[in-house]
Amino acid sequence: MVDRTGEIAALRRLVERLEQDGVARAVGVRHAARGLLAAHLRQRIGPVLAVAATEEEADRLAGDLRFFLGPSRVVRIPADALLPYDGIVPDRGAEFERLAGLSRLGEAFDAAVVSARGLARKVIPPSILRSSAERIAVGTRLDRDALARRLVELGYLNAPMVEDPGTFAVRGAIVDVWPPPRRRPSASNSSATRWRACAPSTPPPSAPPSPSRSS
């Protein structure tokens, strides 16, 4: 078993230097040690913004941070894959990942991870992002047509069946919605005023989950 006592003590001294001076130079902090350092910073200082040189390095850094802080406590904000004047339609999935990451910044988190390119790019102002979010809770009475119009305004695609993030489908009194931040779609029954999580083409579960947000 390798003794890491000296390395942990060095990390603690680094955190203390940051608290005292606001700036500290660190050399040789690699791999999982970066996640351990971020965990110490989070406990002693507050939420951490971690910047990596490339997108690939940012993905690895986010993995290290999730190990120590927890998967749900780390926000990964990917950079735009294309430049503004490339003349190519951007990948819809990549745009959803970026939007989901930005929307998480308004919630509780321990660390946000970006690449140098992602940090330099302009993003949606927080005020616009907040105004483009709709919270639907269990027991809320919904107008089906008004909800469908609002989803179109937010950029959702009206589809016959919900199979991808960013789409919705109207099935009688039920509106299926797949918000970008979620791994599964949701279904809103406007007549029974219930909000349920469900998988595509399968009956909704019997117990409704917690409130959902569409961005």
C-alpha atoms as a PDB file:
ATOM      1  CA  MET A   1       0.000   0.000   0.000  1.00  0.00           C
ATOM      2  CA  VAL A   2       1.414   3.385  -1.030  1.00  0.00           C
ATOM      3  CA  ASP A   3       1.692   6.046   1.667  1.00  0.00           C
ATOM      4  CA  ARG A   4       0.073   9.262   0.404  1.00  0.00           C
ATOM      5  CA  THR A   5       0.281  11.185   3.679  1.00  0.00           C
ATOM      6  CA  GLY A   6       2.808  13.676   2.313  1.00  0.00           C
ATOM      7  CA  GLU A   7       0.722  14.393  -0.787  1.00  0.00           C
ATOM      8  CA  ILE A   8      -2.438  14.988   1.258  1.00  0.00           C
ATOM      9  CA  ALA A   9      -0.534  17.333   3.569  1.00  0.00           C
ATOM     10  CA  ALA A  10       0.733  19.261   0.523  1.00  0.00           C
ATOM     11  CA  LEU A  11      -2.819  19.616  -0.778  1.00  0.00           C
ATOM     12  CA  ARG A  12      -3.928  20.993   2.571  1.00  0.00           C
ATOM     13  CA  ARG A  13      -1.104  23.539   2.555  1.00  0.00           C
ATOM     14  CA  LEU A  14      -2.131  24.580  -0.953  1.00  0.00           C
ATOM     15  CA  VAL A  15      -5.715  25.155   0.183  1.00  0.00           C
ATOM     16  CA  GLU A  16      -4.506  27.209   3.154  1.00  0.00           C
ATOM     17  CA  ARG A  17      -2.359  29.333   0.823  1.00  0.00           C
ATOM     18  CA  LEU A  18      -5.387  29.971  -1.389  1.00  0.00           C
ATOM     19  CA  GLU A  19      -7.432  31.045   1.608  1.00  0.00           C
ATOM     20  CA  GLN A  20      -4.739  33.453   2.767  1.00  0.00           C
ATOM     21  CA  ASP A  21      -3.507  34.985  -0.510  1.00  0.00           C
ATOM     22  CA  GLY A  22      -6.265  34.175  -3.008  1.00  0.00           C
ATOM     23  CA  VAL A  23      -3.655  32.819  -5.457  1.00  0.00           C
ATOM     24  CA  ALA A  24      -1.398  29.762  -5.300  1.00  0.00           C
ATOM     25  CA  ARG A  25       0.798  27.978  -7.815  1.00  0.00           C
ATOM     26  CA  ALA A  26       0.611  24.203  -7.908  1.00  0.00           C
ATOM     27  CA  VAL A  27       2.870  21.848  -9.873  1.00  0.00           C
ATOM     28  CA  GLY A  28       2.408  18.112 -10.238  1.00  0.00           C
ATOM     29  CA  VAL A  29      -1.291  17.883  -9.339  1.00  0.00           C
ATOM     30  CA  ARG A  30      -2.440  15.244 -11.798  1.00  0.00           C
ATOM     31  CA  HIS A  31      -5.156  12.644 -12.329  1.00  0.00           C
ATOM     32  CA  ALA A  32      -7.259  11.837  -9.241  1.00  0.00           C
ATOM     33  CA  ALA A  33      -5.300  14.325  -7.109  1.00  0.00           C
ATOM     34  CA  ARG A  34      -7.135  17.100  -8.940  1.00  0.00           C
ATOM     35  CA  GLY A  35     -10.459  15.746  -7.711  1.00  0.00           C
ATOM     36  CA  LEU A  36      -9.149  15.504  -4.163  1.00  0.00           C
ATOM     37  CA  LEU A  37      -7.911  19.098  -4.348  1.00  0.00           C
ATOM     38  CA  ALA A  38     -11.294  20.284  -5.631  1.00  0.00           C
ATOM     39  CA  ALA A  39     -13.051  18.462  -2.781  1.00  0.00           C
ATOM     40  CA  HIS A  40     -10.864  20.291  -0.251  1.00  0.00           C
ATOM     41  CA  LEU A  41     -11.487  23.616  -1.997  1.00  0.00           C
ATOM     42  CA  ARG A  42     -15.230  23.029  -1.990  1.00  0.00           C
ATOM     43  CA  GLN A  43     -15.279  22.319   1.735  1.00  0.00           C
ATOM     44  CA  ARG A  44     -13.067  25.259   2.685  1.00  0.00           C
ATOM     45  CA  ILE A  45     -13.868  27.952   0.111  1.00  0.00           C
ATOM     46  CA  GLY A  46     -16.981  27.187  -1.957  1.00  0.00           C
ATOM     47  CA  PRO A  47     -17.993  26.022  -5.450  1.00  0.00           C
ATOM     48  CA  VAL A  48     -15.077  25.409  -7.824  1.00  0.00           C
ATOM     49  CA  LEU A  49     -14.628  26.440 -11.465  1.00  0.00           C
ATOM     50  CA  ALA A  50     -12.173  23.976 -13.044  1.00  0.00           C
ATOM     51  CA  VAL A  51     -10.682  24.886 -16.442  1.00  0.00           C
ATOM     52  CA  ALA A  52      -8.878  22.335 -18.620  1.00  0.00           C
ATOM     53  CA  ALA A  53      -6.759  22.925 -21.714  1.00  0.00           C
ATOM     54  CA  THR A  54      -8.897  20.847 -24.112  1.00  0.00           C
ATOM     55  CA  GLU A  55     -12.348  19.272 -24.265  1.00  0.00           C
ATOM     56  CA  GLU A  56     -10.865  15.788 -23.835  1.00  0.00           C
ATOM     57  CA  GLU A  57      -8.941  16.897 -20.757  1.00  0.00           C
ATOM     58  CA  ALA A  58     -12.084  18.576 -19.398  1.00  0.00           C
ATOM     59  CA  ASP A  59     -13.987  15.274 -19.717  1.00  0.00           C
ATOM     60  CA  ARG A  60     -11.271  13.458 -17.769  1.00  0.00           C
ATOM     61  CA  LEU A  61     -11.163  16.201 -15.151  1.00  0.00           C
ATOM     62  CA  ALA A  62     -14.938  16.032 -14.709  1.00  0.00           C
ATOM     63  CA  GLY A  63     -14.636  12.277 -14.127  1.00  0.00           C
ATOM     64  CA  ASP A  64     -12.024  12.825 -11.412  1.00  0.00           C
ATOM     65  CA  LEU A  65     -14.194  15.447  -9.722  1.00  0.00           C
ATOM     66  CA  ARG A  66     -17.302  13.252  -9.802  1.00  0.00           C
ATOM     67  CA  PHE A  67     -15.424  10.505  -7.957  1.00  0.00           C
ATOM     68  CA  PHE A  68     -14.803  12.750  -4.932  1.00  0.00           C
ATOM     69  CA  LEU A  69     -17.772  15.127  -5.090  1.00  0.00           C
ATOM     70  CA  GLY A  70     -20.490  12.849  -6.476  1.00  0.00           C
ATOM     71  CA  PRO A  71     -21.878  12.573 -10.038  1.00  0.00           C
ATOM     72  CA  SER A  72     -24.797  14.934  -9.414  1.00  0.00           C
ATOM     73  CA  ARG A  73     -22.595  17.648  -7.871  1.00  0.00           C
ATOM     74  CA  VAL A  74     -20.373  18.280 -10.914  1.00  0.00           C
ATOM     75  CA  VAL A  75     -21.550  20.359 -13.890  1.00  0.00           C
ATOM     76  CA  ARG A  76     -19.818  19.745 -17.221  1.00  0.00           C
ATOM     77  CA  ILE A  77     -20.334  22.554 -19.741  1.00  0.00           C
ATOM     78  CA  PRO A  78     -18.990  21.527 -23.163  1.00  0.00           C
ATOM     79  CA  ALA A  79     -17.700  24.065 -25.658  1.00  0.00           C
ATOM     80  CA  ASP A  80     -19.392  24.757 -28.975  1.00  0.00           C
ATOM     81  CA  ALA A  81     -18.162  22.259 -31.534  1.00  0.00           C
ATOM     82  CA  LEU A  82     -18.303  24.844 -34.335  1.00  0.00           C
ATOM     83  CA  LEU A  83     -17.305  28.456 -34.759  1.00  0.00           C
ATOM     84  CA  PRO A  84     -20.073  31.013 -35.476  1.00  0.00           C
ATOM     85  CA  TYR A  85     -19.209  31.359 -39.202  1.00  0.00           C
ATOM     86  CA  ASP A  86     -18.382  27.756 -40.067  1.00  0.00           C
ATOM     87  CA  GLY A  87     -21.567  27.488 -42.144  1.00  0.00           C
ATOM     88  CA  ILE A  88     -22.387  24.062 -40.696  1.00  0.00           C
ATOM     89  CA  VAL A  89     -25.451  23.172 -38.660  1.00  0.00           C
ATOM     90  CA  PRO A  90     -24.276  22.334 -35.102  1.00  0.00           C
ATOM     91  CA  ASP A  91     -24.966  18.924 -33.616  1.00  0.00           C
ATOM     92  CA  ARG A  92     -28.291  19.081 -31.750  1.00  0.00           C
ATOM     93  CA  GLY A  93     -27.131  16.687 -29.040  1.00  0.00           C
ATOM     94  CA  ALA A  94     -24.042  18.765 -28.269  1.00  0.00           C
ATOM     95  CA  GLU A  95     -26.145  21.924 -28.025  1.00  0.00           C
ATOM     96  CA  PHE A  96     -28.497  20.180 -25.589  1.00  0.00           C
ATOM     97  CA  GLU A  97     -25.570  19.097 -23.401  1.00  0.00           C
ATOM     98  CA  ARG A  98     -24.300  22.670 -23.302  1.00  0.00           C
ATOM     99  CA  LEU A  99     -27.770  24.040 -22.494  1.00  0.00           C
ATOM    100  CA  ALA A 100     -28.260  21.430 -19.773  1.00  0.00           C
ATOM    101  CA  GLY A 101     -24.942  22.386 -18.201  1.00  0.00           C
ATOM    102  CA  LEU A 102     -25.724  26.099 -18.264  1.00  0.00           C
ATOM    103  CA  SER A 103     -29.147  25.497 -16.716  1.00  0.00           C
ATOM    104  CA  ARG A 104     -27.487  23.625 -13.836  1.00  0.00           C
ATOM    105  CA  LEU A 105     -25.539  26.744 -12.845  1.00  0.00           C
ATOM    106  CA  GLY A 106     -28.732  28.159 -11.335  1.00  0.00           C
ATOM    107  CA  GLU A 107     -28.961  25.172  -8.993  1.00  0.00           C
ATOM    108  CA  ALA A 108     -26.760  23.814  -6.215  1.00  0.00           C
ATOM    109  CA  PHE A 109     -23.466  22.352  -7.433  1.00  0.00           C
ATOM    110  CA  ASP A 110     -19.925  21.827  -6.140  1.00  0.00           C
ATOM    111  CA  ALA A 111     -17.816  22.170  -9.296  1.00  0.00           C
ATOM    112  CA  ALA A 112     -18.243  23.350 -12.882  1.00  0.00           C
ATOM    113  CA  VAL A 113     -15.824  22.031 -15.503  1.00  0.00           C
ATOM    114  CA  VAL A 114     -15.067  23.760 -18.823  1.00  0.00           C
ATOM    115  CA  SER A 115     -12.261  23.819 -21.360  1.00  0.00           C
ATOM    116  CA  ALA A 116     -10.262  26.953 -22.154  1.00  0.00           C
ATOM    117  CA  ARG A 117     -12.219  27.283 -25.395  1.00  0.00           C
ATOM    118  CA  GLY A 118     -15.539  26.894 -23.602  1.00  0.00           C
ATOM    119  CA  LEU A 119     -14.566  29.512 -21.021  1.00  0.00           C
ATOM    120  CA  ALA A 120     -13.761  32.058 -23.753  1.00  0.00           C
ATOM    121  CA  ARG A 121     -17.071  31.685 -25.589  1.00  0.00           C
ATOM    122  CA  LYS A 122     -20.116  33.846 -24.903  1.00  0.00           C
ATOM    123  CA  VAL A 123     -23.111  32.133 -23.302  1.00  0.00           C
ATOM    124  CA  ILE A 124     -26.793  32.855 -22.842  1.00  0.00           C
ATOM    125  CA  PRO A 125     -27.333  35.558 -20.170  1.00  0.00           C
ATOM    126  CA  PRO A 126     -28.645  34.055 -16.912  1.00  0.00           C
ATOM    127  CA  SER A 127     -31.746  36.283 -17.033  1.00  0.00           C
ATOM    128  CA  ILE A 128     -32.768  34.898 -20.445  1.00  0.00           C
ATOM    129  CA  LEU A 129     -32.040  31.338 -19.352  1.00  0.00           C
ATOM    130  CA  ARG A 130     -34.210  31.745 -16.250  1.00  0.00           C
ATOM    131  CA  SER A 131     -37.062  33.274 -18.253  1.00  0.00           C
ATOM    132  CA  SER A 132     -36.924  30.292 -20.622  1.00  0.00           C
ATOM    133  CA  ALA A 133     -37.523  27.747 -17.857  1.00  0.00           C
ATOM    134  CA  GLU A 134     -40.935  26.409 -16.894  1.00  0.00           C
ATOM    135  CA  ARG A 135     -41.475  24.541 -13.617  1.00  0.00           C
ATOM    136  CA  ILE A 136     -44.340  22.052 -13.584  1.00  0.00           C
ATOM    137  CA  ALA A 137     -45.184  20.463 -10.229  1.00  0.00           C
ATOM    138  CA  VAL A 138     -47.550  17.687  -9.199  1.00  0.00           C
ATOM    139  CA  GLY A 139     -51.027  19.127  -8.745  1.00  0.00           C
ATOM    140  CA  THR A 140     -50.524  21.991 -11.193  1.00  0.00           C
ATOM    141  CA  ARG A 141     -53.512  22.553 -13.503  1.00  0.00           C
ATOM    142  CA  LEU A 142     -52.314  22.850 -17.099  1.00  0.00           C
ATOM    143  CA  ASP A 143     -53.825  24.108 -20.324  1.00  0.00           C
ATOM    144  CA  ARG A 144     -52.713  21.558 -22.925  1.00  0.00           C
ATOM    145  CA  ASP A 145     -52.732  23.927 -25.913  1.00  0.00           C
ATOM    146  CA  ALA A 146     -51.007  26.716 -23.988  1.00  0.00           C
ATOM    147  CA  LEU A 147     -48.331  24.275 -22.840  1.00  0.00           C
ATOM    148  CA  ALA A 148     -47.767  23.090 -26.409  1.00  0.00           C
ATOM    149  CA  ARG A 149     -47.426  26.674 -27.663  1.00  0.00           C
ATOM    150  CA  ARG A 150     -44.968  27.486 -24.884  1.00  0.00           C
ATOM    151  CA  LEU A 151     -42.844  24.449 -25.728  1.00  0.00           C
ATOM    152  CA  VAL A 152     -42.662  25.570 -29.370  1.00  0.00           C
ATOM    153  CA  GLU A 153     -41.583  29.044 -28.214  1.00  0.00           C
ATOM    154  CA  LEU A 154     -38.813  27.434 -26.173  1.00  0.00           C
ATOM    155  CA  GLY A 155     -37.510  25.618 -29.247  1.00  0.00           C
ATOM    156  CA  TYR A 156     -39.035  22.169 -28.723  1.00  0.00           C
ATOM    157  CA  LEU A 157     -39.961  20.153 -31.805  1.00  0.00           C
ATOM    158  CA  ASN A 158     -43.541  18.860 -32.026  1.00  0.00           C
ATOM    159  CA  ALA A 159     -43.165  15.192 -33.042  1.00  0.00           C
ATOM    160  CA  PRO A 160     -45.569  12.255 -33.437  1.00  0.00           C
ATOM    161  CA  MET A 161     -43.605  10.344 -30.770  1.00  0.00           C
ATOM    162  CA  VAL A 162     -41.057  11.516 -28.196  1.00  0.00           C
ATOM    163  CA  GLU A 163     -37.793   9.715 -28.919  1.00  0.00           C
ATOM    164  CA  ASP A 164     -35.138  12.427 -28.550  1.00  0.00           C
ATOM    165  CA  PRO A 165     -34.378  15.284 -26.133  1.00  0.00           C
ATOM    166  CA  GLY A 166     -35.935  18.590 -27.158  1.00  0.00           C
ATOM    167  CA  THR A 167     -39.124  17.055 -28.566  1.00  0.00           C
ATOM    168  CA  PHE A 168     -42.721  16.806 -27.371  1.00  0.00           C
ATOM    169  CA  ALA A 169     -45.870  15.047 -28.535  1.00  0.00           C
ATOM    170  CA  VAL A 170     -49.547  15.699 -27.823  1.00  0.00           C
ATOM    171  CA  ARG A 171     -51.624  12.527 -27.278  1.00  0.00           C
ATOM    172  CA  GLY A 172     -55.124  13.575 -26.364  1.00  0.00           C
ATOM    173  CA  ALA A 173     -54.970  14.995 -22.836  1.00  0.00           C
ATOM    174  CA  ILE A 174     -51.348  13.831 -22.435  1.00  0.00           C
ATOM    175  CA  VAL A 175     -48.307  15.884 -23.452  1.00  0.00           C
ATOM    176  CA  ASP A 176     -45.044  13.920 -23.620  1.00  0.00           C
ATOM    177  CA  VAL A 177     -41.969  16.137 -23.114  1.00  0.00           C
ATOM    178  CA  TRP A 178     -38.262  15.342 -23.105  1.00  0.00           C
ATOM    179  CA  PRO A 179     -36.321  18.254 -21.506  1.00  0.00           C
ATOM    180  CA  PRO A 180     -32.625  18.356 -22.492  1.00  0.00           C
ATOM    181  CA  PRO A 181     -31.245  17.978 -18.919  1.00  0.00           C
ATOM    182  CA  ARG A 182     -33.193  14.749 -18.293  1.00  0.00           C
ATOM    183  CA  ARG A 183     -32.229  11.224 -19.294  1.00  0.00           C
ATOM    184  CA  ARG A 184     -35.883  10.272 -19.814  1.00  0.00           C
ATOM    185  CA  PRO A 185     -38.967  12.052 -21.147  1.00  0.00           C
ATOM    186  CA  SER A 186     -41.907  13.094 -18.981  1.00  0.00           C
ATOM    187  CA  ALA A 187     -45.649  12.970 -19.531  1.00  0.00           C
ATOM    188  CA  SER A 188     -48.194  15.551 -18.377  1.00  0.00           C
ATOM    189  CA  ASN A 189     -51.836  14.522 -18.131  1.00  0.00           C
ATOM    190  CA  SER A 190     -53.724  17.806 -18.372  1.00  0.00           C
ATOM    191  CA  SER A 191     -57.058  16.310 -17.314  1.00  0.00           C
ATOM    192  CA  ALA A 192     -55.765  14.562 -14.183  1.00  0.00           C
ATOM    193  CA  THR A 193     -53.144  17.291 -13.508  1.00  0.00           C
ATOM    194  CA  ARG A 194     -50.416  14.701 -12.926  1.00  0.00           C
ATOM    195  CA  TRP A 195     -46.739  14.801 -13.889  1.00  0.00           C
ATOM    196  CA  ARG A 196     -45.127  11.427 -14.484  1.00  0.00           C
ATOM    197  CA  ALA A 197     -41.766  10.211 -15.755  1.00  0.00           C
ATOM    198  CA  CYS A 198     -41.996   7.537 -18.422  1.00  0.00           C
ATOM    199  CA  ALA A 199     -39.880   5.880 -21.097  1.00  0.00           C
ATOM    200  CA  PRO A 200     -40.793   6.209 -24.813  1.00  0.00           C
ATOM    201  CA  SER A 201     -43.673   4.005 -25.974  1.00  0.00           C
ATOM    202  CA  THR A 202     -44.240   2.537 -22.483  1.00  0.00           C
ATOM    203  CA  PRO A 203     -47.031   3.155 -19.955  1.00  0.00           C
ATOM    204  CA  PRO A 204     -46.205   5.787 -17.311  1.00  0.00           C
ATOM    205  CA  PRO A 205     -45.325   4.514 -13.822  1.00  0.00           C
ATOM    206  CA  SER A 206     -47.927   4.495 -11.084  1.00  0.00           C
ATOM    207  CA  ALA A 207     -46.062   6.888  -8.766  1.00  0.00           C
ATOM    208  CA  PRO A 208     -45.278  10.436  -9.929  1.00  0.00           C
ATOM    209  CA  PRO A 209     -41.722  11.751  -9.360  1.00  0.00           C
ATOM    210  CA  SER A 210     -40.634  15.130  -8.078  1.00  0.00           C
ATOM    211  CA  PRO A 211     -41.291  18.351 -10.085  1.00  0.00           C
ATOM    212  CA  SER A 212     -39.613  18.653 -13.470  1.00  0.00           C
ATOM    213  CA  ARG A 213     -38.116  21.675 -15.222  1.00  0.00           C
ATOM    214  CA  SER A 214     -38.075  22.213 -18.972  1.00  0.00           C
ATOM    215  CA  SER A 215     -35.359  24.410 -20.433  1.00  0.00           C
END
